[in-house]
């Protein structure tokens, strides 16, 4: 289930985002989380399965009708189970009236999800 990020999930979200290659540096990671907390165009969603948060997907609203996926990450112990695909599809369902597109970093995974 896709849930909206809130401050109480900050440490979990930082842990998940740290699996992204561009978010390995702590200062960069802290800046990214701060943007999700303070910038209206940035939205971070977490994937909750049972009682655990095991994934994150972050977007930036680009204009009126485009949502760009900039982060997709799943806890390594839950990979290869279709969680990433479920997050992408849930996001597409959430923003039915918008075009959901990947950025350069998420494009390969995003395209793989669409082919499944």
PDB file of N, CA and C in Angstrom:
ATOM      1  N   UNK A   1       0.842  -1.182   0.000  1.00  0.00           N
ATOM      2  CA  UNK A   1       0.000   0.000   0.000  1.00  0.00           C
ATOM      3  C   UNK A   1       0.884   1.241   0.000  1.00  0.00           C
ATOM      4  N   UNK A   2       0.566   2.169  -0.876  1.00  0.00           N
ATOM      5  CA  UNK A   2       1.299   3.417  -0.981  1.00  0.00           C
ATOM      6  C   UNK A   2       0.788   4.394   0.081  1.00  0.00           C
ATOM      7  N   UNK A   3       1.704   4.922   0.881  1.00  0.00           N
ATOM      8  CA  UNK A   3       1.337   5.922   1.884  1.00  0.00           C
ATOM      9  C   UNK A   3       2.213   7.154   1.707  1.00  0.00           C
ATOM     10  N   UNK A   4       1.674   8.297   2.067  1.00  0.00           N
ATOM     11  CA  UNK A   4       2.420   9.544   1.931  1.00  0.00           C
ATOM     12  C   UNK A   4       3.468   9.654   3.050  1.00  0.00           C
ATOM     13  N   UNK A   5       4.641  10.122   2.683  1.00  0.00           N
ATOM     14  CA  UNK A   5       5.721  10.334   3.643  1.00  0.00           C
ATOM     15  C   UNK A   5       5.307  11.376   4.677  1.00  0.00           C
ATOM     16  N   UNK A   6       5.681  11.128   5.913  1.00  0.00           N
ATOM     17  CA  UNK A   6       5.552  12.148   6.958  1.00  0.00           C
ATOM     18  C   UNK A   6       6.803  12.108   7.823  1.00  0.00           C
ATOM     19  N   UNK A   7       7.017  13.164   8.561  1.00  0.00           N
ATOM     20  CA  UNK A   7       8.247  13.362   9.342  1.00  0.00           C
ATOM     21  C   UNK A   7       8.573  12.163  10.247  1.00  0.00           C
ATOM     22  N   UNK A   8       7.567  11.516  10.798  1.00  0.00           N
ATOM     23  CA  UNK A   8       7.826  10.389  11.700  1.00  0.00           C
ATOM     24  C   UNK A   8       8.470   9.197  10.984  1.00  0.00           C
ATOM     25  N   UNK A   9       8.410   9.184   9.653  1.00  0.00           N
ATOM     26  CA  UNK A   9       9.035   8.111   8.869  1.00  0.00           C
ATOM     27  C   UNK A   9      10.392   8.516   8.297  1.00  0.00           C
ATOM     28  N   UNK A  10      10.934   9.632   8.773  1.00  0.00           N
ATOM     29  CA  UNK A  10      12.153  10.183   8.177  1.00  0.00           C
ATOM     30  C   UNK A  10      13.325   9.203   8.155  1.00  0.00           C
ATOM     31  N   UNK A  11      13.610   8.547   9.266  1.00  0.00           N
ATOM     32  CA  UNK A  11      14.762   7.634   9.310  1.00  0.00           C
ATOM     33  C   UNK A  11      14.571   6.452   8.374  1.00  0.00           C
ATOM     34  N   UNK A  12      13.375   5.923   8.315  1.00  0.00           N
ATOM     35  CA  UNK A  12      13.091   4.808   7.409  1.00  0.00           C
ATOM     36  C   UNK A  12      13.269   5.267   5.963  1.00  0.00           C
ATOM     37  N   UNK A  13      12.722   6.436   5.646  1.00  0.00           N
ATOM     38  CA  UNK A  13      12.828   6.965   4.284  1.00  0.00           C
ATOM     39  C   UNK A  13      14.280   7.222   3.907  1.00  0.00           C
ATOM     40  N   UNK A  14      15.056   7.771   4.825  1.00  0.00           N
ATOM     41  CA  UNK A  14      16.473   8.013   4.544  1.00  0.00           C
ATOM     42  C   UNK A  14      17.208   6.699   4.302  1.00  0.00           C
ATOM     43  N   UNK A  15      16.898   5.698   5.087  1.00  0.00           N
ATOM     44  CA  UNK A  15      17.517   4.391   4.892  1.00  0.00           C
ATOM     45  C   UNK A  15      17.200   3.818   3.527  1.00  0.00           C
ATOM     46  N   UNK A  16      15.947   3.908   3.118  1.00  0.00           N
ATOM     47  CA  UNK A  16      15.552   3.396   1.803  1.00  0.00           C
ATOM     48  C   UNK A  16      16.181   4.200   0.671  1.00  0.00           C
ATOM     49  N   UNK A  17      16.153   5.525   0.781  1.00  0.00           N
ATOM     50  CA  UNK A  17      16.731   6.362  -0.274  1.00  0.00           C
ATOM     51  C   UNK A  17      18.236   6.201  -0.382  1.00  0.00           C
ATOM     52  N   UNK A  18      18.886   5.806   0.708  1.00  0.00           N
ATOM     53  CA  UNK A  18      20.349   5.632   0.668  1.00  0.00           C
ATOM     54  C   UNK A  18      20.767   4.494  -0.260  1.00  0.00           C
ATOM     55  N   UNK A  19      19.824   3.641  -0.665  1.00  0.00           N
ATOM     56  CA  UNK A  19      20.136   2.584  -1.629  1.00  0.00           C
ATOM     57  C   UNK A  19      20.244   3.113  -3.051  1.00  0.00           C
ATOM     58  N   UNK A  20      19.770   4.340  -3.284  1.00  0.00           N
ATOM     59  CA  UNK A  20      19.870   4.954  -4.611  1.00  0.00           C
ATOM     60  C   UNK A  20      21.306   5.448  -4.806  1.00  0.00           C
ATOM     61  N   UNK A  21      21.914   5.168  -5.965  1.00  0.00           N
ATOM     62  CA  UNK A  21      23.314   5.571  -6.191  1.00  0.00           C
ATOM     63  C   UNK A  21      23.584   7.058  -5.951  1.00  0.00           C
ATOM     64  N   UNK A  22      22.680   7.934  -6.331  1.00  0.00           N
ATOM     65  CA  UNK A  22      22.896   9.379  -6.185  1.00  0.00           C
ATOM     66  C   UNK A  22      22.705   9.865  -4.756  1.00  0.00           C
ATOM     67  N   UNK A  23      22.213   8.995  -3.874  1.00  0.00           N
ATOM     68  CA  UNK A  23      21.910   9.406  -2.499  1.00  0.00           C
ATOM     69  C   UNK A  23      22.852   8.762  -1.480  1.00  0.00           C
ATOM     70  N   UNK A  24      24.007   8.299  -1.924  1.00  0.00           N
ATOM     71  CA  UNK A  24      24.961   7.646  -1.011  1.00  0.00           C
ATOM     72  C   UNK A  24      25.578   8.631  -0.014  1.00  0.00           C
ATOM     73  N   UNK A  25      25.798   9.872  -0.451  1.00  0.00           N
ATOM     74  CA  UNK A  25      26.402  10.893   0.403  1.00  0.00           C
ATOM     75  C   UNK A  25      25.377  11.394   1.422  1.00  0.00           C
ATOM     76  N   UNK A  26      25.744  11.408   2.694  1.00  0.00           N
ATOM     77  CA  UNK A  26      24.815  11.781   3.760  1.00  0.00           C
ATOM     78  C   UNK A  26      24.258  13.190   3.586  1.00  0.00           C
ATOM     79  N   UNK A  27      25.123  14.144   3.225  1.00  0.00           N
ATOM     80  CA  UNK A  27      24.653  15.518   3.046  1.00  0.00           C
ATOM     81  C   UNK A  27      23.636  15.600   1.902  1.00  0.00           C
ATOM     82  N   UNK A  28      23.895  14.889   0.820  1.00  0.00           N
ATOM     83  CA  UNK A  28      22.960  14.862  -0.309  1.00  0.00           C
ATOM     84  C   UNK A  28      21.637  14.238   0.124  1.00  0.00           C
ATOM     85  N   UNK A  29      21.724  13.149   0.855  1.00  0.00           N
ATOM     86  CA  UNK A  29      20.528  12.449   1.335  1.00  0.00           C
ATOM     87  C   UNK A  29      19.691  13.350   2.247  1.00  0.00           C
ATOM     88  N   UNK A  30      20.346  14.053   3.153  1.00  0.00           N
ATOM     89  CA  UNK A  30      19.630  14.966   4.058  1.00  0.00           C
ATOM     90  C   UNK A  30      18.961  16.095   3.278  1.00  0.00           C
ATOM     91  N   UNK A  31      19.643  16.589   2.260  1.00  0.00           N
ATOM     92  CA  UNK A  31      19.084  17.653   1.422  1.00  0.00           C
ATOM     93  C   UNK A  31      17.859  17.138   0.656  1.00  0.00           C
ATOM     94  N   UNK A  32      17.945  15.925   0.148  1.00  0.00           N
ATOM     95  CA  UNK A  32      16.819  15.333  -0.584  1.00  0.00           C
ATOM     96  C   UNK A  32      15.602  15.190   0.324  1.00  0.00           C
ATOM     97  N   UNK A  33      15.800  14.648   1.525  1.00  0.00           N
ATOM     98  CA  UNK A  33      14.690  14.490   2.476  1.00  0.00           C
ATOM     99  C   UNK A  33      14.091  15.847   2.820  1.00  0.00           C
ATOM    100  N   UNK A  34      14.948  16.852   3.030  1.00  0.00           N
ATOM    101  CA  UNK A  34      14.467  18.198   3.352  1.00  0.00           C
ATOM    102  C   UNK A  34      13.583  18.736   2.218  1.00  0.00           C
ATOM    103  N   UNK A  35      13.980  18.467   0.971  1.00  0.00           N
ATOM    104  CA  UNK A  35      13.173  18.939  -0.154  1.00  0.00           C
ATOM    105  C   UNK A  35      11.811  18.240  -0.173  1.00  0.00           C
ATOM    106  N   UNK A  36      11.791  16.942   0.110  1.00  0.00           N
ATOM    107  CA  UNK A  36      10.512  16.237   0.171  1.00  0.00           C
ATOM    108  C   UNK A  36       9.621  16.788   1.292  1.00  0.00           C
ATOM    109  N   UNK A  37      10.239  17.268   2.359  1.00  0.00           N
ATOM    110  CA  UNK A  37       9.470  17.802   3.482  1.00  0.00           C
ATOM    111  C   UNK A  37       8.977  19.222   3.240  1.00  0.00           C
ATOM    112  N   UNK A  38       9.718  20.017   2.455  1.00  0.00           N
ATOM    113  CA  UNK A  38       9.420  21.445   2.372  1.00  0.00           C
ATOM    114  C   UNK A  38       8.949  21.955   1.015  1.00  0.00           C
ATOM    115  N   UNK A  39       9.255  21.271  -0.057  1.00  0.00           N
ATOM    116  CA  UNK A  39       8.900  21.749  -1.395  1.00  0.00           C
ATOM    117  C   UNK A  39       7.591  21.097  -1.843  1.00  0.00           C
ATOM    118  N   UNK A  40       6.603  21.904  -2.152  1.00  0.00           N
ATOM    119  CA  UNK A  40       5.278  21.392  -2.516  1.00  0.00           C
ATOM    120  C   UNK A  40       5.301  20.495  -3.751  1.00  0.00           C
ATOM    121  N   UNK A  41       6.177  20.780  -4.696  1.00  0.00           N
ATOM    122  CA  UNK A  41       6.229  19.992  -5.936  1.00  0.00           C
ATOM    123  C   UNK A  41       6.891  18.622  -5.745  1.00  0.00           C
ATOM    124  N   UNK A  42       7.537  18.412  -4.620  1.00  0.00           N
ATOM    125  CA  UNK A  42       8.206  17.139  -4.333  1.00  0.00           C
ATOM    126  C   UNK A  42       7.315  16.314  -3.414  1.00  0.00           C
ATOM    127  N   UNK A  43       7.031  15.066  -3.792  1.00  0.00           N
ATOM    128  CA  UNK A  43       6.233  14.167  -2.954  1.00  0.00           C
ATOM    129  C   UNK A  43       6.953  12.822  -2.834  1.00  0.00           C
ATOM    130  N   UNK A  44       7.038  12.330  -1.627  1.00  0.00           N
ATOM    131  CA  UNK A  44       7.630  11.023  -1.375  1.00  0.00           C
ATOM    132  C   UNK A  44       6.541  10.114  -0.827  1.00  0.00           C
ATOM    133  N   UNK A  45       6.477   8.925  -1.389  1.00  0.00           N
ATOM    134  CA  UNK A  45       5.536   7.915  -0.932  1.00  0.00           C
ATOM    135  C   UNK A  45       6.308   6.700  -0.457  1.00  0.00           C
ATOM    136  N   UNK A  46       5.788   6.046   0.547  1.00  0.00           N
ATOM    137  CA  UNK A  46       6.406   4.838   1.081  1.00  0.00           C
ATOM    138  C   UNK A  46       5.493   3.663   0.796  1.00  0.00           C
ATOM    139  N   UNK A  47       6.093   2.491   0.647  1.00  0.00           N
ATOM    140  CA  UNK A  47       5.318   1.281   0.392  1.00  0.00           C
ATOM    141  C   UNK A  47       5.267   0.468   1.674  1.00  0.00           C
ATOM    142  N   UNK A  48       4.045   0.271   2.177  1.00  0.00           N
ATOM    143  CA  UNK A  48       3.845  -0.475   3.409  1.00  0.00           C
ATOM    144  C   UNK A  48       3.254  -1.833   3.066  1.00  0.00           C
ATOM    145  N   UNK A  49       3.910  -2.873   3.546  1.00  0.00           N
ATOM    146  CA  UNK A  49       3.441  -4.246   3.343  1.00  0.00           C
ATOM    147  C   UNK A  49       3.353  -4.893   4.709  1.00  0.00           C
ATOM    148  N   UNK A  50       2.190  -5.398   5.042  1.00  0.00           N
ATOM    149  CA  UNK A  50       1.914  -5.863   6.401  1.00  0.00           C
ATOM    150  C   UNK A  50       2.140  -4.664   7.323  1.00  0.00           C
ATOM    151  N   UNK A  51       3.058  -4.757   8.239  1.00  0.00           N
ATOM    152  CA  UNK A  51       3.327  -3.622   9.132  1.00  0.00           C
ATOM    153  C   UNK A  51       4.667  -2.957   8.839  1.00  0.00           C
ATOM    154  N   UNK A  52       5.350  -3.393   7.788  1.00  0.00           N
ATOM    155  CA  UNK A  52       6.686  -2.887   7.481  1.00  0.00           C
ATOM    156  C   UNK A  52       6.676  -1.929   6.295  1.00  0.00           C
ATOM    157  N   UNK A  53       7.514  -0.911   6.371  1.00  0.00           N
ATOM    158  CA  UNK A  53       7.737  -0.019   5.239  1.00  0.00           C
ATOM    159  C   UNK A  53       8.967  -0.556   4.523  1.00  0.00           C
ATOM    160  N   UNK A  54       8.772  -0.980   3.270  1.00  0.00           N
ATOM    161  CA  UNK A  54       9.846  -1.683   2.557  1.00  0.00           C
ATOM    162  C   UNK A  54      10.268  -1.019   1.255  1.00  0.00           C
ATOM    163  N   UNK A  55       9.617   0.090   0.889  1.00  0.00           N
ATOM    164  CA  UNK A  55       9.978   0.751  -0.354  1.00  0.00           C
ATOM    165  C   UNK A  55       9.631   2.222  -0.317  1.00  0.00           C
ATOM    166  N   UNK A  56      10.199   2.945  -1.272  1.00  0.00           N
ATOM    167  CA  UNK A  56       9.912   4.377  -1.399  1.00  0.00           C
ATOM    168  C   UNK A  56       9.924   4.749  -2.882  1.00  0.00           C
ATOM    169  N   UNK A  57       9.051   5.680  -3.215  1.00  0.00           N
ATOM    170  CA  UNK A  57       9.019   6.219  -4.576  1.00  0.00           C
ATOM    171  C   UNK A  57       8.779   7.717  -4.456  1.00  0.00           C
ATOM    172  N   UNK A  58       9.657   8.490  -5.080  1.00  0.00           N
ATOM    173  CA  UNK A  58       9.579   9.942  -4.972  1.00  0.00           C
ATOM    174  C   UNK A  58       9.333  10.581  -6.325  1.00  0.00           C
ATOM    175  N   UNK A  59       8.530  11.634  -6.323  1.00  0.00           N
ATOM    176  CA  UNK A  59       8.173  12.311  -7.569  1.00  0.00           C
ATOM    177  C   UNK A  59       8.327  13.819  -7.441  1.00  0.00           C
ATOM    178  N   UNK A  60       8.440  14.442  -8.611  1.00  0.00           N
ATOM    179  CA  UNK A  60       8.408  15.898  -8.723  1.00  0.00           C
ATOM    180  C   UNK A  60       7.304  16.228  -9.716  1.00  0.00           C
ATOM    181  N   UNK A  61       6.441  17.168  -9.356  1.00  0.00           N
ATOM    182  CA  UNK A  61       5.398  17.618 -10.277  1.00  0.00           C
ATOM    183  C   UNK A  61       6.021  18.605 -11.255  1.00  0.00           C
ATOM    184  N   UNK A  62       5.929  18.276 -12.520  1.00  0.00           N
ATOM    185  CA  UNK A  62       6.480  19.118 -13.589  1.00  0.00           C
ATOM    186  C   UNK A  62       5.311  19.739 -14.339  1.00  0.00           C
ATOM    187  N   UNK A  63       4.932  20.916 -13.950  1.00  0.00           N
ATOM    188  CA  UNK A  63       3.805  21.577 -14.596  1.00  0.00           C
ATOM    189  C   UNK A  63       2.482  20.983 -14.147  1.00  0.00           C
ATOM    190  N   UNK A  64       1.454  21.230 -14.927  1.00  0.00           N
ATOM    191  CA  UNK A  64       0.099  20.830 -14.571  1.00  0.00           C
ATOM    192  C   UNK A  64      -0.177  19.342 -14.746  1.00  0.00           C
ATOM    193  N   UNK A  65       0.461  18.727 -15.738  1.00  0.00           N
ATOM    194  CA  UNK A  65       0.028  17.382 -16.103  1.00  0.00           C
ATOM    195  C   UNK A  65       1.117  16.315 -16.146  1.00  0.00           C
ATOM    196  N   UNK A  66       2.280  16.579 -15.577  1.00  0.00           N
ATOM    197  CA  UNK A  66       3.364  15.590 -15.595  1.00  0.00           C
ATOM    198  C   UNK A  66       3.907  15.358 -14.193  1.00  0.00           C
ATOM    199  N   UNK A  67       4.074  14.082 -13.870  1.00  0.00           N
ATOM    200  CA  UNK A  67       4.678  13.661 -12.603  1.00  0.00           C
ATOM    201  C   UNK A  67       5.932  12.872 -12.975  1.00  0.00           C
ATOM    202  N   UNK A  68       7.088  13.361 -12.530  1.00  0.00           N
ATOM    203  CA  UNK A  68       8.356  12.706 -12.860  1.00  0.00           C
ATOM    204  C   UNK A  68       8.839  11.875 -11.679  1.00  0.00           C
ATOM    205  N   UNK A  69       9.067  10.588 -11.920  1.00  0.00           N
ATOM    206  CA  UNK A  69       9.569   9.686 -10.886  1.00  0.00           C
ATOM    207  C   UNK A  69      11.077   9.887 -10.789  1.00  0.00           C
ATOM    208  N   UNK A  70      11.543  10.305  -9.607  1.00  0.00           N
ATOM    209  CA  UNK A  70      12.973  10.551  -9.452  1.00  0.00           C
ATOM    210  C   UNK A  70      13.655   9.557  -8.511  1.00  0.00           C
ATOM    211  N   UNK A  71      12.898   8.877  -7.690  1.00  0.00           N
ATOM    212  CA  UNK A  71      13.457   7.852  -6.802  1.00  0.00           C
ATOM    213  C   UNK A  71      12.543   6.632  -6.803  1.00  0.00           C
ATOM    214  N   UNK A  72      13.131   5.462  -6.915  1.00  0.00           N
ATOM    215  CA  UNK A  72      12.424   4.194  -6.689  1.00  0.00           C
ATOM    216  C   UNK A  72      13.416   3.310  -5.949  1.00  0.00           C
ATOM    217  N   UNK A  73      13.024   2.847  -4.783  1.00  0.00           N
ATOM    218  CA  UNK A  73      13.924   2.001  -4.012  1.00  0.00           C
ATOM    219  C   UNK A  73      13.135   1.008  -3.172  1.00  0.00           C
ATOM    220  N   UNK A  74      13.698  -0.189  -3.044  1.00  0.00           N
ATOM    221  CA  UNK A  74      13.084  -1.256  -2.254  1.00  0.00           C
ATOM    222  C   UNK A  74      14.161  -1.838  -1.350  1.00  0.00           C
ATOM    223  N   UNK A  75      13.786  -2.125  -0.114  1.00  0.00           N
ATOM    224  CA  UNK A  75      14.705  -2.773   0.824  1.00  0.00           C
ATOM    225  C   UNK A  75      15.286  -4.019   0.146  1.00  0.00           C
ATOM    226  N   UNK A  76      16.613  -4.205   0.183  1.00  0.00           N
ATOM    227  CA  UNK A  76      17.230  -5.337  -0.506  1.00  0.00           C
ATOM    228  C   UNK A  76      16.648  -6.708  -0.143  1.00  0.00           C
ATOM    229  N   UNK A  77      16.195  -6.881   1.080  1.00  0.00           N
ATOM    230  CA  UNK A  77      15.642  -8.184   1.465  1.00  0.00           C
ATOM    231  C   UNK A  77      14.252  -8.440   0.876  1.00  0.00           C
ATOM    232  N   UNK A  78      13.683  -7.418   0.220  1.00  0.00           N
ATOM    233  CA  UNK A  78      12.359  -7.574  -0.393  1.00  0.00           C
ATOM    234  C   UNK A  78      12.399  -7.396  -1.913  1.00  0.00           C
ATOM    235  N   UNK A  79      13.598  -7.379  -2.480  1.00  0.00           N
ATOM    236  CA  UNK A  79      13.710  -7.193  -3.930  1.00  0.00           C
ATOM    237  C   UNK A  79      13.360  -8.475  -4.673  1.00  0.00           C
ATOM    238  N   UNK A  80      13.131  -8.340  -5.956  1.00  0.00           N
ATOM    239  CA  UNK A  80      12.756  -9.451  -6.838  1.00  0.00           C
ATOM    240  C   UNK A  80      11.395 -10.045  -6.473  1.00  0.00           C
ATOM    241  N   UNK A  81      10.533  -9.251  -5.857  1.00  0.00           N
ATOM    242  CA  UNK A  81       9.195  -9.714  -5.488  1.00  0.00           C
ATOM    243  C   UNK A  81       8.100  -8.867  -6.130  1.00  0.00           C
ATOM    244  N   UNK A  82       8.493  -7.976  -7.032  1.00  0.00           N
ATOM    245  CA  UNK A  82       7.515  -7.139  -7.718  1.00  0.00           C
ATOM    246  C   UNK A  82       7.075  -5.900  -6.959  1.00  0.00           C
ATOM    247  N   UNK A  83       7.766  -5.552  -5.880  1.00  0.00           N
ATOM    248  CA  UNK A  83       7.384  -4.388  -5.068  1.00  0.00           C
ATOM    249  C   UNK A  83       7.552  -3.093  -5.874  1.00  0.00           C
ATOM    250  N   UNK A  84       8.671  -2.963  -6.560  1.00  0.00           N
ATOM    251  CA  UNK A  84       8.910  -1.764  -7.372  1.00  0.00           C
ATOM    252  C   UNK A  84       7.829  -1.576  -8.416  1.00  0.00           C
ATOM    253  N   UNK A  85       7.466  -2.652  -9.085  1.00  0.00           N
ATOM    254  CA  UNK A  85       6.403  -2.594 -10.095  1.00  0.00           C
ATOM    255  C   UNK A  85       5.080  -2.184  -9.447  1.00  0.00           C
ATOM    256  N   UNK A  86       4.791  -2.738  -8.270  1.00  0.00           N
ATOM    257  CA  UNK A  86       3.556  -2.371  -7.569  1.00  0.00           C
ATOM    258  C   UNK A  86       3.550  -0.885  -7.223  1.00  0.00           C
ATOM    259  N   UNK A  87       4.712  -0.351  -6.802  1.00  0.00           N
ATOM    260  CA  UNK A  87       4.786   1.073  -6.466  1.00  0.00           C
ATOM    261  C   UNK A  87       4.543   1.939  -7.699  1.00  0.00           C
ATOM    262  N   UNK A  88       5.178   1.573  -8.812  1.00  0.00           N
ATOM    263  CA  UNK A  88       4.993   2.336 -10.049  1.00  0.00           C
ATOM    264  C   UNK A  88       3.528   2.295 -10.477  1.00  0.00           C
ATOM    265  N   UNK A  89       2.925   1.116 -10.464  1.00  0.00           N
ATOM    266  CA  UNK A  89       1.522   1.001 -10.866  1.00  0.00           C
ATOM    267  C   UNK A  89       0.579   1.746  -9.929  1.00  0.00           C
ATOM    268  N   UNK A  90       0.857   1.712  -8.616  1.00  0.00           N
ATOM    269  CA  UNK A  90       0.043   2.447  -7.648  1.00  0.00           C
ATOM    270  C   UNK A  90       0.152   3.955  -7.896  1.00  0.00           C
ATOM    271  N   UNK A  91       1.346   4.403  -8.251  1.00  0.00           N
ATOM    272  CA  UNK A  91       1.555   5.825  -8.547  1.00  0.00           C
ATOM    273  C   UNK A  91       0.796   6.227  -9.812  1.00  0.00           C
ATOM    274  N   UNK A  92       0.851   5.382 -10.827  1.00  0.00           N
ATOM    275  CA  UNK A  92       0.117   5.646 -12.069  1.00  0.00           C
ATOM    276  C   UNK A  92      -1.383   5.701 -11.784  1.00  0.00           C
ATOM    277  N   UNK A  93      -1.878   4.790 -10.936  1.00  0.00           N
ATOM    278  CA  UNK A  93      -3.293   4.806 -10.555  1.00  0.00           C
ATOM    279  C   UNK A  93      -3.652   6.077  -9.779  1.00  0.00           C
ATOM    280  N   UNK A  94      -2.748   6.495  -8.887  1.00  0.00           N
ATOM    281  CA  UNK A  94      -2.988   7.683  -8.070  1.00  0.00           C
ATOM    282  C   UNK A  94      -3.097   8.944  -8.934  1.00  0.00           C
ATOM    283  N   UNK A  95      -2.262   9.010  -9.964  1.00  0.00           N
ATOM    284  CA  UNK A  95      -2.230  10.174 -10.848  1.00  0.00           C
ATOM    285  C   UNK A  95      -2.763   9.821 -12.236  1.00  0.00           C
ATOM    286  N   UNK A  96      -3.952   9.243 -12.279  1.00  0.00           N
ATOM    287  CA  UNK A  96      -4.580   8.810 -13.544  1.00  0.00           C
ATOM    288  C   UNK A  96      -4.665   9.925 -14.576  1.00  0.00           C
ATOM    289  N   UNK A  97      -4.900  11.140 -14.112  1.00  0.00           N
ATOM    290  CA  UNK A  97      -5.104  12.269 -15.021  1.00  0.00           C
ATOM    291  C   UNK A  97      -3.813  12.989 -15.394  1.00  0.00           C
ATOM    292  N   UNK A  98      -2.689  12.421 -14.981  1.00  0.00           N
ATOM    293  CA  UNK A  98      -1.392  13.027 -15.288  1.00  0.00           C
ATOM    294  C   UNK A  98      -0.512  12.002 -16.002  1.00  0.00           C
ATOM    295  N   UNK A  99       0.486  12.502 -16.672  1.00  0.00           N
ATOM    296  CA  UNK A  99       1.465  11.635 -17.320  1.00  0.00           C
ATOM    297  C   UNK A  99       2.570  11.336 -16.307  1.00  0.00           C
ATOM    298  N   UNK A 100       2.768  10.067 -15.967  1.00  0.00           N
ATOM    299  CA  UNK A 100       3.818   9.654 -15.029  1.00  0.00           C
ATOM    300  C   UNK A 100       5.014   9.198 -15.850  1.00  0.00           C
ATOM    301  N   UNK A 101       6.133   9.907 -15.695  1.00  0.00           N
ATOM    302  CA  UNK A 101       7.332   9.649 -16.497  1.00  0.00           C
ATOM    303  C   UNK A 101       8.548   9.479 -15.590  1.00  0.00           C
ATOM    304  N   UNK A 102       9.554   8.733 -16.053  1.00  0.00           N
ATOM    305  CA  UNK A 102      10.776   8.589 -15.257  1.00  0.00           C
ATOM    306  C   UNK A 102      11.758   9.724 -15.537  1.00  0.00           C
ATOM    307  N   UNK A 103      12.747   9.885 -14.646  1.00  0.00           N
ATOM    308  CA  UNK A 103      13.879  10.754 -14.956  1.00  0.00           C
ATOM    309  C   UNK A 103      15.001   9.843 -15.465  1.00  0.00           C
ATOM    310  N   UNK A 104      16.189  10.389 -15.686  1.00  0.00           N
ATOM    311  CA  UNK A 104      17.287   9.589 -16.239  1.00  0.00           C
ATOM    312  C   UNK A 104      17.676   8.432 -15.321  1.00  0.00           C
ATOM    313  N   UNK A 105      17.652   8.680 -14.011  1.00  0.00           N
ATOM    314  CA  UNK A 105      18.081   7.645 -13.059  1.00  0.00           C
ATOM    315  C   UNK A 105      17.063   6.518 -12.908  1.00  0.00           C
ATOM    316  N   UNK A 106      15.789   6.804 -13.084  1.00  0.00           N
ATOM    317  CA  UNK A 106      14.751   5.789 -12.870  1.00  0.00           C
ATOM    318  C   UNK A 106      14.215   5.197 -14.177  1.00  0.00           C
ATOM    319  N   UNK A 107      14.698   5.696 -15.303  1.00  0.00           N
ATOM    320  CA  UNK A 107      14.138   5.294 -16.595  1.00  0.00           C
ATOM    321  C   UNK A 107      14.256   3.795 -16.865  1.00  0.00           C
ATOM    322  N   UNK A 108      15.426   3.210 -16.643  1.00  0.00           N
ATOM    323  CA  UNK A 108      15.618   1.781 -16.943  1.00  0.00           C
ATOM    324  C   UNK A 108      14.674   0.918 -16.113  1.00  0.00           C
ATOM    325  N   UNK A 109      14.571   1.217 -14.818  1.00  0.00           N
ATOM    326  CA  UNK A 109      13.683   0.434 -13.963  1.00  0.00           C
ATOM    327  C   UNK A 109      12.227   0.658 -14.344  1.00  0.00           C
ATOM    328  N   UNK A 110      11.871   1.892 -14.603  1.00  0.00           N
ATOM    329  CA  UNK A 110      10.501   2.248 -14.973  1.00  0.00           C
ATOM    330  C   UNK A 110      10.080   1.490 -16.232  1.00  0.00           C
ATOM    331  N   UNK A 111      10.947   1.455 -17.221  1.00  0.00           N
ATOM    332  CA  UNK A 111      10.640   0.751 -18.469  1.00  0.00           C
ATOM    333  C   UNK A 111      10.519  -0.753 -18.218  1.00  0.00           C
ATOM    334  N   UNK A 112      11.362  -1.285 -17.369  1.00  0.00           N
ATOM    335  CA  UNK A 112      11.300  -2.718 -17.015  1.00  0.00           C
ATOM    336  C   UNK A 112       9.960  -3.034 -16.374  1.00  0.00           C
ATOM    337  N   UNK A 113       9.466  -2.146 -15.520  1.00  0.00           N
ATOM    338  CA  UNK A 113       8.176  -2.357 -14.854  1.00  0.00           C
ATOM    339  C   UNK A 113       7.033  -2.373 -15.853  1.00  0.00           C
ATOM    340  N   UNK A 114       7.102  -1.531 -16.854  1.00  0.00           N
ATOM    341  CA  UNK A 114       6.035  -1.457 -17.829  1.00  0.00           C
ATOM    342  C   UNK A 114       5.994  -2.718 -18.711  1.00  0.00           C
ATOM    343  N   UNK A 115       7.148  -3.384 -18.857  1.00  0.00           N
ATOM    344  CA  UNK A 115       7.223  -4.584 -19.697  1.00  0.00           C
ATOM    345  C   UNK A 115       6.746  -5.843 -18.989  1.00  0.00           C
ATOM    346  N   UNK A 116       6.629  -5.785 -17.655  1.00  0.00           N
ATOM    347  CA  UNK A 116       6.252  -6.981 -16.886  1.00  0.00           C
ATOM    348  C   UNK A 116       4.789  -7.321 -17.058  1.00  0.00           C
TER     349      UNK A 116
END
